Amino acid sequence: GLPRRKQLRARERRAVRTSRLAAALAGRGSEQRLLGAGGMSDFAVDFTKSYARRRPDEPRSHYSSRLKFINALLKGEADRITDERIEVLSHCYSNVKYLSNVYGKEIMDMLHKYDPEIPM
């Protein structure tokens, strides 16, 4: 792997990119474009959590879609779901939506519940 110092620098760069996205979302009108008409007032995602980080190989459009799914999931499941489960389900969501993966009924039902475009 990378030397420890390079790993730390890479982690810092990812954190800066994530905070820039959060700042952009809070900026003038950008949340309207990314999140739709509801804007930030309807947005519950905590950008300090690991589930809100963009994967290095993840296109921005996929990331935006995954954030919307996470937001819907948080609004619906709130206190009944762990951060780890949110992260796993959000990546399952991307895999189903963009790679046509299929999971067990329980997971597919959960994904469909928060994005009706996902087939059951």
Foldseek 3Di string as FASTA:
>chain_A
DDPPVVVVVVVVVQLVVLVVVVVLLVDDCSVCVLPNDVGPVLQDDDSVAPLLGDDPPHDPNLSSVLSQLLSLLCVVCPPPDDSVRSSVLSVVLSCCVPVVDDDDPVSQVSSCVSPVVRDD
